[in-house]
Amino acid sequence: MNPLQRPHWTPYAAGAAIGILSWFAFLTVGRPLGVSSAFVRLVAWLEGLLAPAHVEATPYLAKLRPVFDWEFFLVVGIALGALAASRLGGVRGQERPSITRIAEAVLGGFFLMIGARLANGCTSGNGISGSLQLALSGWVFFLTIFVSGVAAALLFRKEVR
């Protein structure tokens, strides 16, 4: 079977691929992988179209110059790659998400982005890139997210029949 047509990839292969991509980013652009800054730059660019004086007057937005760089296209590639993987693997949801579920996901993403900005990096920046550099903060972050993920799964799990 073509590995691209499998419904699920082994987490070991996916983890190794992310590690290779991360080292490739270090090698080629000298920066770790990260995606949350791309969203902020996109917002700064959009806000600059509507209120350029506000962007220039806001030190945070002025510091993050809007750039359509490799991080921006990494975000686009993540979405397109997920779509391609689901189509190639024949994975389709059995039911369409409700408006409530979509609103919950958008709200959760919004809070995740705020947390990423407050922490000066997202999960990929803190966890993946930090641990690849053997930074203690990256390993502490990974341990914290693992423990909190298990706790949340146990708290909100639904019985599977």
Foldseek 3Di string as FASTA:
>chain_A
DPQLQAQDDDVVVVLVVLLVVQVVCCVPVVAGQAQLLLVLLVVLVVVCVVPVVVQCVDVVSVVSHRDCDPSVVVVVCVVVVVVSSCVSNVPDDPDDDDPVVVVVVVVVVVVQSVVQVVVVGHLRRQAVNCVVVVHPSNVVVVVVCVVVVVVVCVVPPDDDD
